[in-house]
Amino acid sequence: MRVRVDWRVSCRLVGTVLKWLWVPLVFPLLIALFDGSAVGPFLVPMAGTVIVGLGLERLTEERDLGAREAFLMVALSWLSVAVVGAVPFVLAGEGTLAQPVNALFESMSGITTTGATVIVDFGRHSRAVFMWRAVLQWLGGLGILVLATAVLSQLSIGGAQLMETETQTRDLNKLTPRISETAALLWKIYLGLTGLQIAVLYGLHLAGLAPEMTLFDAVTHAFTTISTSGFSPRAESIAAFSPAVQWAVIPFMATGATSFVLIYFVLQGNFGRLRNSDEFRFYLAILGLFSLGIAGVLFADGGPHTNPEAIARHALFQVVSIVTTTGYASTDFNLWSSGAKHLLFVCMFVGGMAGSTTCSIKTLRWLVVLKAFRRDLFTTANPNAVRPVRLSGGVVTEETIRDIYAYTLVSLVFFIVATILVVVDASRARVPVTEFEAMGAAASTFFNVGPGFGIAGPFASYNPFPWSTKLLMTFLMWLGRIEIIPVLVLLTPSYWRS
């Protein structure tokens, strides 16, 4: 049967993305030149990605991108960038990242803004390698999405579909008349927030409040905070810095997980959109309630933190970090009580707002699920009543509610299956992994959170897992970041033939 998908058009646009991937490789190259470390690990992929990109662009002439081709392009773009991103790690030949499976894991963790790492000895890796990890996550947060949208600037349907695939919001293509203008707008906001955090973090250093915070640290942590990613060049993550830095990072994590549509309107002086957003209020409520809950448990348990300020800081920091899927750690929460760790585990399933750089299920879906469930309880008691589900004043269609129910259910099923596979494979390889550690690792990789519990805890590494489990987790990170649907659609025969 004739294939109905014009895969050449999708690959051509993937080639355009790859062709320009040499630009972000300039950042680690400059660090390598400054430090006198090897430059080959960055020069080789710079040349290779340009050659491959130009080759893919020659597959066909420039044509419009349909819905089917858009799904294929989204999936292939994230996968191809992850493969290219692994090359510098292998060529650098440093530590655990020299192994191809580990390098692919680390690269996929970077571009999907997961923040899970296989690095064991941070001291063996150059600053250039750490910069490349940070740049990958900065691109993954919004850069690849915006780049793809800018490439599709001449398209209205395809470009808008790509934007909606990543952000799950239809408002983005209404900010400006053209997708290309929207892309430039989002870049400006993203760059502005990144620059602001660099200034704040390094300002704390200059003020004597953060002596450990070098300019390099300020840049890499800003790259991986606004993108809600969590890679840090320090083995102790944010715990390596003073409480002032930890307090300063919290609002930037929260902002990165806030809808960029709302941020745009706020910057335009339209605070009404923020006040009237049901999702924003729900998002803040989630952060507040979980923070209070964990702080209460830590205070009652008399655990590793005895100072009230430390309890409040670590509870708020870790809740914001996990809910926003940033994955930073201000303390080793492996040492917390079972109750506090289980509350933190639940936070992995929440996610930030739609239209942000965050991952996981996202607060918008949970809000619709709760509103729909409350409506169903009401109509069960009052069968003749008609009560639509409303969100920020608008009515949510029944089709949208069904889609959200389906997506949430599929996500939870994938998590359960992934947990079973992690347990079984670890048992096969004789790696001691408890059920809770497997659940944490599966949730953390699939929902792109980063740290898990136990052997994959905040100050630990995913390296002890067998190579087959790491490949599974690499797939989970890719699947979770592009929100399942583009990959599942590609696996249906009707997508290719009908």
Protein backbone atom coordinates (compact mmCIF):
# COMPACT_ATOMS: atom_id res chain seq x y z
CA MET A 1 0.00 0.00 0.00
CA ARG A 2 1.24 3.47 -0.85
CA VAL A 3 2.87 5.41 2.01
CA ARG A 4 0.90 8.60 2.66
CA VAL A 5 3.56 10.41 4.69
CA ASP A 6 6.00 12.66 2.86
CA TRP A 7 8.93 11.65 5.07
CA ARG A 8 11.39 13.52 2.87
CA VAL A 9 9.86 16.85 3.88
CA SER A 10 10.16 15.90 7.57
CA CYS A 11 13.78 14.83 7.14
CA ARG A 12 14.57 18.00 5.21
CA LEU A 13 13.42 20.10 8.18
CA VAL A 14 15.33 17.87 10.59
CA GLY A 15 18.34 18.57 8.40
CA THR A 16 17.78 22.30 8.79
CA VAL A 17 17.77 21.88 12.56
CA LEU A 18 20.98 19.84 12.43
CA LYS A 19 22.63 22.26 10.03
CA TRP A 20 22.44 25.01 12.62
CA LEU A 21 23.41 22.85 15.59
CA TRP A 22 27.01 23.98 15.17
CA VAL A 23 26.04 27.33 16.72
CA PRO A 24 25.44 26.06 20.30
CA LEU A 25 28.60 23.95 20.04
CA VAL A 26 30.52 27.22 19.93
CA PHE A 27 29.90 27.73 23.68
CA PRO A 28 31.81 24.65 24.90
CA LEU A 29 34.42 25.17 22.15
CA LEU A 30 35.23 28.61 23.52
CA ILE A 31 35.50 27.20 27.06
CA ALA A 32 37.84 24.48 25.78
CA LEU A 33 40.03 27.05 24.03
CA PHE A 34 40.13 29.23 27.14
CA ASP A 35 41.00 26.32 29.45
CA GLY A 36 43.41 24.68 27.03
CA SER A 37 41.43 21.43 26.96
CA ALA A 38 40.71 19.30 23.88
CA VAL A 39 38.73 21.04 21.12
CA GLY A 40 38.30 17.98 18.87
CA PRO A 41 35.22 16.71 20.72
CA PHE A 42 33.39 19.86 19.61
CA LEU A 43 34.96 20.59 16.21
CA VAL A 44 34.17 17.11 14.87
CA PRO A 45 30.42 17.23 15.59
CA MET A 46 30.29 20.83 14.36
CA ALA A 47 31.53 19.70 10.96
CA GLY A 48 29.53 16.47 10.98
CA THR A 49 26.20 18.03 11.86
CA VAL A 50 26.54 20.64 9.09
CA ILE A 51 27.37 17.96 6.50
CA VAL A 52 24.51 15.69 7.59
CA GLY A 53 22.11 18.62 7.79
CA LEU A 54 22.94 19.85 4.29
CA GLY A 55 22.60 16.30 2.99
CA LEU A 56 19.13 15.89 4.48
CA GLU A 57 18.06 19.25 3.07
CA ARG A 58 18.85 17.94 -0.42
CA LEU A 59 16.36 15.07 -0.09
CA THR A 60 13.58 17.19 -1.56
CA GLU A 61 12.65 20.73 -2.40
CA GLU A 62 11.02 22.94 0.21
CA ARG A 63 7.32 22.08 0.54
CA ASP A 64 4.49 22.64 2.98
CA LEU A 65 4.48 20.48 6.10
CA GLY A 66 1.26 18.61 6.81
CA ALA A 67 0.05 17.27 10.13
CA ARG A 68 1.54 13.81 9.59
CA GLU A 69 4.89 15.18 8.55
CA ALA A 70 4.86 17.50 11.59
CA PHE A 71 4.55 14.56 13.98
CA LEU A 72 7.46 12.80 12.28
CA MET A 73 9.58 15.94 12.28
CA VAL A 74 9.00 16.57 16.02
CA ALA A 75 9.97 13.02 16.98
CA LEU A 76 13.02 12.86 14.71
CA SER A 77 14.29 16.31 15.73
CA TRP A 78 14.52 15.47 19.42
CA LEU A 79 16.06 12.07 18.68
CA SER A 80 18.64 13.33 16.18
CA VAL A 81 19.76 16.22 18.38
CA ALA A 82 20.22 13.77 21.27
CA VAL A 83 22.40 11.52 19.09
CA VAL A 84 24.54 14.45 17.94
CA GLY A 85 24.72 15.75 21.50
CA ALA A 86 26.25 12.47 22.65
CA VAL A 87 29.21 12.71 20.26
CA PRO A 88 31.24 15.29 22.29
CA PHE A 89 30.90 13.13 25.41
CA VAL A 90 32.27 10.05 23.64
CA LEU A 91 35.08 11.93 21.90
CA ALA A 92 36.10 13.65 25.13
CA GLY A 93 36.72 10.18 26.56
CA GLU A 94 36.28 11.30 30.16
CA GLY A 95 34.87 9.09 32.88
CA THR A 96 31.57 7.26 32.50
CA LEU A 97 30.48 9.51 29.61
CA ALA A 98 33.07 7.90 27.33
CA GLN A 99 30.77 4.86 26.96
CA PRO A 100 28.31 5.34 24.07
CA VAL A 101 25.23 4.18 25.99
CA ASN A 102 26.06 6.52 28.87
CA ALA A 103 26.77 9.37 26.47
CA LEU A 104 23.40 8.90 24.74
CA PHE A 105 21.67 8.71 28.12
CA GLU A 106 23.32 11.94 29.25
CA SER A 107 22.60 13.72 25.97
CA MET A 108 18.95 12.63 25.90
CA SER A 109 18.67 13.67 29.54
CA GLY A 110 20.02 17.06 28.51
CA ILE A 111 17.92 17.78 25.44
CA THR A 112 14.74 16.51 27.14
CA THR A 113 15.56 18.70 30.18
CA THR A 114 15.44 15.65 32.46
CA GLY A 115 18.62 16.19 34.45
CA ALA A 116 19.28 12.53 35.25
CA THR A 117 23.01 11.88 35.07
CA VAL A 118 25.35 8.90 34.83
CA ILE A 119 28.40 10.91 35.91
CA VAL A 120 30.13 9.41 38.95
CA ASP A 121 33.34 11.43 39.26
CA PHE A 122 32.58 15.08 38.45
CA GLY A 123 36.25 15.99 38.88
CA ARG A 124 37.28 13.99 35.79
CA HIS A 125 35.25 16.09 33.35
CA SER A 126 36.32 19.38 31.80
CA ARG A 127 34.43 22.64 32.10
CA ALA A 128 33.75 22.43 28.36
CA VAL A 129 31.86 19.15 28.84
CA PHE A 130 29.81 20.66 31.66
CA MET A 131 29.05 23.68 29.49
CA TRP A 132 27.83 21.41 26.70
CA ARG A 133 25.51 19.63 29.16
CA ALA A 134 24.11 22.99 30.21
CA VAL A 135 23.71 24.22 26.63
CA LEU A 136 21.86 21.03 25.68
CA GLN A 137 19.36 21.63 28.44
CA TRP A 138 18.99 25.29 27.61
CA LEU A 139 18.19 24.31 24.03
CA GLY A 140 15.83 21.60 25.20
CA GLY A 141 13.86 23.94 27.41
CA LEU A 142 12.67 26.14 24.58
CA GLY A 143 15.43 26.49 22.03
CA ILE A 144 14.76 23.43 19.85
CA LEU A 145 11.03 24.17 19.87
CA VAL A 146 11.51 27.79 18.86
CA LEU A 147 14.14 26.84 16.28
CA ALA A 148 11.75 24.37 14.70
CA THR A 149 9.01 26.98 14.72
CA ALA A 150 11.28 29.56 13.12
CA VAL A 151 12.19 27.05 10.42
CA LEU A 152 8.48 26.64 9.76
CA SER A 153 7.86 30.38 9.70
CA GLN A 154 6.22 30.21 6.29
CA LEU A 155 3.69 27.64 7.50
CA SER A 156 0.63 28.39 9.53
CA ILE A 157 -0.91 25.00 10.22
CA GLY A 158 2.26 22.94 10.58
CA GLY A 159 4.08 25.52 12.65
CA ALA A 160 1.13 26.00 14.96
CA GLN A 161 0.76 22.24 15.34
CA LEU A 162 4.38 21.87 16.34
CA MET A 163 4.01 24.63 18.89
CA GLU A 164 0.87 23.02 20.28
CA THR A 165 2.50 19.59 20.35
CA GLU A 166 5.16 20.88 22.73
CA THR A 167 3.19 23.42 24.78
CA GLN A 168 -0.32 21.97 24.69
CA THR A 169 -1.82 25.42 24.37
CA ARG A 170 -3.52 27.14 21.47
CA ASP A 171 -2.77 30.64 22.71
CA LEU A 172 0.81 30.76 21.50
CA ASN A 173 0.01 31.12 17.83
CA LYS A 174 -2.32 34.00 18.69
CA LEU A 175 0.29 36.20 20.35
CA THR A 176 1.42 37.58 17.01
CA PRO A 177 0.11 37.25 13.44
CA ARG A 178 3.04 35.06 12.38
CA ILE A 179 4.67 32.03 13.99
CA SER A 180 8.10 33.48 13.22
CA GLU A 181 7.25 36.57 15.25
CA THR A 182 6.03 34.38 18.10
CA ALA A 183 9.31 32.45 17.99
CA ALA A 184 11.32 35.66 18.22
CA LEU A 185 9.10 36.83 21.07
CA LEU A 186 9.64 33.65 23.07
CA TRP A 187 13.38 33.82 22.44
CA LYS A 188 13.48 37.33 23.89
CA ILE A 189 11.61 36.29 27.04
CA TYR A 190 13.76 33.18 27.43
CA LEU A 191 17.01 35.08 26.92
CA GLY A 192 15.89 37.85 29.24
CA LEU A 193 15.08 35.47 32.09
CA THR A 194 18.37 33.63 31.57
CA GLY A 195 20.36 36.86 31.64
CA LEU A 196 18.50 38.05 34.72
CA GLN A 197 19.34 34.89 36.64
CA ILE A 198 23.01 35.08 35.65
CA ALA A 199 23.08 38.63 37.01
CA VAL A 200 21.34 37.62 40.26
CA LEU A 201 23.56 34.60 40.94
CA TYR A 202 26.82 36.34 40.13
CA GLY A 203 25.59 39.41 41.99
CA LEU A 204 25.30 37.27 45.12
CA HIS A 205 28.93 36.26 44.60
CA LEU A 206 30.05 39.87 44.24
CA ALA A 207 28.08 40.78 47.34
CA GLY A 208 29.91 38.11 49.36
CA LEU A 209 26.76 36.03 49.88
CA ALA A 210 27.86 33.20 47.59
CA PRO A 211 31.66 32.84 47.55
CA GLU A 212 31.40 29.46 45.75
CA MET A 213 29.39 30.89 42.84
CA THR A 214 31.81 31.60 39.99
CA LEU A 215 30.73 33.22 36.73
CA PHE A 216 30.88 29.79 35.08
CA ASP A 217 28.58 28.41 37.78
CA ALA A 218 26.20 31.34 37.35
CA VAL A 219 25.94 30.78 33.59
CA THR A 220 25.53 26.99 33.70
CA HIS A 221 22.97 27.12 36.49
CA ALA A 222 20.99 29.87 34.77
CA PHE A 223 20.93 27.77 31.58
CA THR A 224 19.60 24.79 33.51
CA THR A 225 17.14 26.60 35.77
CA ILE A 226 15.03 28.62 33.33
CA SER A 227 14.82 25.50 31.19
CA THR A 228 13.66 23.57 34.31
CA SER A 229 16.39 21.02 33.62
CA GLY A 230 18.64 20.56 36.64
CA PHE A 231 22.09 19.65 35.33
CA SER A 232 24.73 21.12 37.61
CA PRO A 233 28.53 21.02 37.23
CA ARG A 234 28.66 20.36 40.98
CA ALA A 235 28.19 16.85 42.37
CA GLU A 236 26.18 18.33 45.27
CA SER A 237 23.91 20.29 42.91
CA ILE A 238 22.59 23.50 44.54
CA ALA A 239 23.54 22.12 47.98
CA ALA A 240 27.09 23.14 47.06
CA PHE A 241 26.09 26.78 47.48
CA SER A 242 24.93 29.03 50.29
CA PRO A 243 21.31 29.33 51.44
CA ALA A 244 21.15 32.70 49.68
CA VAL A 245 21.71 30.96 46.33
CA GLN A 246 19.09 28.34 47.15
CA TRP A 247 16.50 30.99 47.95
CA ALA A 248 17.44 32.88 44.77
CA VAL A 249 17.03 29.81 42.55
CA ILE A 250 13.49 29.01 43.75
CA PRO A 251 11.65 31.86 41.95
CA PHE A 252 13.50 31.16 38.70
CA MET A 253 12.51 27.49 38.79
CA ALA A 254 8.92 28.52 39.44
CA THR A 255 9.04 31.07 36.62
CA GLY A 256 10.45 28.56 34.14
CA ALA A 257 7.45 26.33 34.86
CA THR A 258 4.99 29.21 34.41
CA SER A 259 3.21 29.60 31.09
CA PHE A 260 5.26 31.84 28.81
CA VAL A 261 1.96 33.08 27.40
CA LEU A 262 1.11 34.51 30.82
CA ILE A 263 4.63 35.89 31.21
CA TYR A 264 4.22 37.66 27.86
CA PHE A 265 0.94 39.27 28.89
CA VAL A 266 2.39 40.32 32.26
CA LEU A 267 5.32 41.96 30.49
CA GLN A 268 2.75 43.80 28.37
CA GLY A 269 1.13 45.09 31.55
CA ASN A 270 -1.90 42.82 31.27
CA PHE A 271 -2.00 41.46 34.83
CA GLY A 272 -5.65 40.49 34.41
CA ARG A 273 -4.67 37.36 32.49
CA LEU A 274 -2.56 36.29 35.47
CA ARG A 275 -5.27 37.03 38.03
CA ASN A 276 -7.94 35.27 36.00
CA SER A 277 -5.90 32.16 35.26
CA ASP A 278 -7.37 29.17 37.09
CA GLU A 279 -4.30 27.14 36.19
CA PHE A 280 -1.88 29.68 37.68
CA ARG A 281 -3.79 29.74 40.98
CA PHE A 282 -3.89 25.93 40.98
CA TYR A 283 -0.16 25.81 40.25
CA LEU A 284 0.63 28.10 43.20
CA ALA A 285 -1.72 26.12 45.44
CA ILE A 286 0.07 22.87 44.56
CA LEU A 287 3.46 24.39 45.40
CA GLY A 288 2.16 25.83 48.66
CA LEU A 289 0.29 22.75 49.89
CA PHE A 290 3.07 20.26 49.16
CA SER A 291 5.67 22.59 50.69
CA LEU A 292 3.63 22.94 53.87
CA GLY A 293 3.00 19.20 53.97
CA ILE A 294 6.66 18.22 53.63
CA ALA A 295 7.77 20.96 56.03
CA GLY A 296 5.28 19.65 58.58
CA VAL A 297 6.53 16.09 58.18
CA LEU A 298 10.18 17.17 58.46
CA PHE A 299 9.41 19.20 61.57
CA ALA A 300 7.46 16.36 63.19
CA ASP A 301 10.03 13.69 62.32
CA GLY A 302 12.98 15.62 63.71
CA GLY A 303 15.06 14.51 60.72
CA PRO A 304 18.35 15.87 59.38
CA HIS A 305 17.12 19.51 59.55
CA THR A 306 16.47 21.06 62.94
CA ASN A 307 16.56 24.77 62.11
CA PRO A 308 13.08 26.11 61.15
CA GLU A 309 14.58 28.21 58.35
CA ALA A 310 16.40 25.18 56.93
CA ILE A 311 13.25 23.07 57.11
CA ALA A 312 11.22 25.73 55.29
CA ARG A 313 13.94 26.34 52.70
CA HIS A 314 14.58 22.70 51.84
CA ALA A 315 10.87 21.80 51.80
CA LEU A 316 10.01 24.69 49.48
CA PHE A 317 13.11 24.21 47.32
CA GLN A 318 12.59 20.49 46.77
CA VAL A 319 8.86 20.80 46.12
CA VAL A 320 9.41 23.55 43.55
CA SER A 321 12.32 21.60 42.04
CA ILE A 322 10.38 18.36 41.66
CA VAL A 323 6.99 19.82 40.68
CA THR A 324 8.63 21.97 38.00
CA THR A 325 10.71 18.92 36.94
CA THR A 326 13.89 20.96 37.38
CA GLY A 327 15.48 18.30 39.56
CA TYR A 328 17.97 20.38 41.55
CA ALA A 329 18.75 19.32 45.10
CA SER A 330 19.41 21.60 48.05
CA THR A 331 19.85 18.62 50.36
CA ASP A 332 20.09 14.84 50.21
CA PHE A 333 16.39 14.01 50.49
CA ASN A 334 17.34 10.32 50.56
CA LEU A 335 17.89 10.99 54.27
CA TRP A 336 14.31 12.24 54.77
CA SER A 337 11.66 10.11 56.41
CA SER A 338 9.47 7.79 54.37
CA GLY A 339 6.51 10.17 54.60
CA ALA A 340 8.45 13.15 53.26
CA LYS A 341 9.96 11.09 50.42
CA HIS A 342 6.58 9.73 49.38
CA LEU A 343 5.11 13.23 49.24
CA LEU A 344 8.04 14.27 47.08
CA PHE A 345 7.43 11.23 44.88
CA VAL A 346 3.85 12.37 44.25
CA CYS A 347 5.21 15.75 43.14
CA MET A 348 6.87 14.01 40.18
CA PHE A 349 3.47 13.45 38.59
CA VAL A 350 2.37 17.09 38.70
CA GLY A 351 4.54 19.22 36.41
CA GLY A 352 4.33 22.93 35.78
CA MET A 353 1.94 24.92 33.64
CA ALA A 354 1.14 24.28 30.00
CA GLY A 355 3.12 26.55 27.72
CA SER A 356 6.20 26.43 29.95
CA THR A 357 9.54 24.63 29.70
CA THR A 358 8.48 21.98 32.19
CA CYS A 359 7.51 18.34 31.64
CA SER A 360 5.37 15.69 33.41
CA ILE A 361 1.56 15.62 33.16
CA LYS A 362 1.21 19.37 33.85
CA THR A 363 -1.14 21.27 36.12
CA LEU A 364 -3.61 22.15 33.36
CA ARG A 365 -4.50 18.51 32.81
CA TRP A 366 -4.83 17.78 36.52
CA LEU A 367 -7.05 20.83 36.97
CA VAL A 368 -9.35 19.72 34.16
CA VAL A 369 -9.44 16.18 35.57
CA LEU A 370 -10.44 17.48 39.02
CA LYS A 371 -13.05 19.87 37.63
CA ALA A 372 -14.51 17.17 35.39
CA PHE A 373 -14.61 14.67 38.25
CA ARG A 374 -16.36 17.19 40.50
CA ARG A 375 -18.83 17.89 37.69
CA ASP A 376 -19.49 14.16 37.28
CA LEU A 377 -20.20 13.79 41.01
CA PHE A 378 -22.68 16.68 40.80
CA THR A 379 -24.49 15.33 37.74
CA THR A 380 -24.67 11.88 39.34
CA ALA A 381 -26.62 13.38 42.23
CA ASN A 382 -28.54 15.70 39.88
CA PRO A 383 -29.07 13.74 36.63
CA ASN A 384 -31.16 16.48 35.00
CA ALA A 385 -28.56 19.20 35.58
CA VAL A 386 -26.29 20.49 32.84
CA ARG A 387 -22.99 21.80 34.16
CA PRO A 388 -20.10 22.37 31.73
CA VAL A 389 -16.51 22.33 32.89
CA ARG A 390 -15.15 25.87 32.89
CA LEU A 391 -11.54 26.99 32.92
CA SER A 392 -10.64 30.66 33.39
CA GLY A 393 -14.12 31.64 32.27
CA GLY A 394 -14.18 29.48 29.15
CA VAL A 395 -15.97 26.19 28.59
CA VAL A 396 -13.81 23.10 28.14
CA THR A 397 -15.25 20.90 25.39
CA GLU A 398 -16.13 17.30 26.13
CA GLU A 399 -13.70 16.20 23.42
CA THR A 400 -10.87 18.00 25.22
CA ILE A 401 -11.86 16.43 28.52
CA ARG A 402 -11.80 12.96 26.95
CA ASP A 403 -8.39 13.66 25.43
CA ILE A 404 -7.01 14.78 28.80
CA TYR A 405 -8.46 11.76 30.56
CA ALA A 406 -6.92 9.51 27.91
CA TYR A 407 -3.50 11.19 28.04
CA THR A 408 -3.37 11.05 31.85
CA LEU A 409 -4.39 7.38 31.86
CA VAL A 410 -1.85 6.46 29.17
CA SER A 411 0.88 8.31 31.08
CA LEU A 412 0.15 6.40 34.27
CA VAL A 413 0.03 3.08 32.39
CA PHE A 414 3.41 3.81 30.79
CA PHE A 415 4.82 4.64 34.24
CA ILE A 416 3.55 1.34 35.68
CA VAL A 417 4.93 -0.70 32.78
CA ALA A 418 8.26 1.17 32.96
CA THR A 419 8.52 0.43 36.68
CA ILE A 420 8.00 -3.28 36.07
CA LEU A 421 10.62 -3.31 33.32
CA VAL A 422 13.15 -1.51 35.53
CA VAL A 423 12.60 -4.00 38.37
CA VAL A 424 12.80 -7.03 36.08
CA ASP A 425 15.90 -5.84 34.21
CA ALA A 426 17.70 -4.84 37.40
CA SER A 427 16.94 -8.25 38.87
CA ARG A 428 18.25 -9.93 35.70
CA ALA A 429 21.50 -7.95 35.96
CA ARG A 430 21.67 -8.59 39.72
CA VAL A 431 21.57 -4.88 40.52
CA PRO A 432 19.92 -4.35 43.93
CA VAL A 433 16.97 -2.04 43.29
CA THR A 434 13.97 -1.77 45.59
CA GLU A 435 10.45 -1.29 44.25
CA PHE A 436 10.36 2.30 45.48
CA GLU A 437 13.71 3.07 43.85
CA ALA A 438 12.42 1.58 40.59
CA MET A 439 9.23 3.63 40.81
CA GLY A 440 11.25 6.77 41.45
CA ALA A 441 13.63 6.09 38.56
CA ALA A 442 10.80 5.27 36.14
CA ALA A 443 8.78 8.34 37.11
CA SER A 444 11.83 10.59 37.10
CA THR A 445 12.94 9.60 33.59
CA PHE A 446 9.51 9.29 31.98
CA PHE A 447 8.28 12.59 33.45
CA ASN A 448 11.71 14.22 32.90
CA VAL A 449 12.30 15.11 36.55
CA GLY A 450 15.92 14.02 37.03
CA PRO A 451 16.84 12.62 40.45
CA GLY A 452 15.11 9.62 41.93
CA PHE A 453 15.57 7.82 45.23
CA GLY A 454 18.13 5.41 46.60
CA ILE A 455 20.83 4.56 44.04
CA ALA A 456 19.46 7.25 41.71
CA GLY A 457 19.11 9.84 44.46
CA PRO A 458 19.98 13.54 44.29
CA PHE A 459 23.69 13.07 45.06
CA ALA A 460 23.94 9.70 43.32
CA SER A 461 24.00 8.57 39.68
CA TYR A 462 22.05 6.38 37.26
CA ASN A 463 25.31 4.66 36.28
CA PRO A 464 24.73 1.55 38.50
CA PHE A 465 21.74 0.55 36.38
CA PRO A 466 22.52 -2.02 33.65
CA TRP A 467 23.06 -0.71 30.12
CA SER A 468 19.76 -2.18 28.96
CA THR A 469 17.86 -0.27 31.67
CA LYS A 470 19.68 2.93 30.71
CA LEU A 471 18.58 2.45 27.10
CA LEU A 472 15.01 1.96 28.33
CA MET A 473 15.24 5.14 30.38
CA THR A 474 16.68 6.98 27.36
CA PHE A 475 13.59 5.95 25.41
CA LEU A 476 11.34 6.99 28.31
CA MET A 477 12.93 10.46 28.44
CA TRP A 478 12.39 10.93 24.70
CA LEU A 479 8.83 9.62 24.88
CA GLY A 480 7.91 11.73 27.88
CA ARG A 481 9.40 14.97 26.58
CA ILE A 482 7.43 14.96 23.33
CA GLU A 483 4.37 13.90 25.33
CA ILE A 484 3.85 10.37 24.01
CA ILE A 485 1.41 11.14 21.20
CA PRO A 486 3.88 11.89 18.35
CA VAL A 487 5.67 8.60 18.99
CA LEU A 488 2.50 6.51 19.41
CA VAL A 489 1.04 8.02 16.26
CA LEU A 490 4.12 6.94 14.31
CA LEU A 491 3.57 3.36 15.48
CA THR A 492 0.05 3.11 14.04
CA PRO A 493 -0.29 1.61 10.51
CA SER A 494 -3.06 4.07 9.67
CA TYR A 495 -0.65 6.98 10.14
CA TRP A 496 1.51 5.70 7.27
CA ARG A 497 -1.11 4.24 4.94
CA SER A 498 -4.62 5.60 5.38
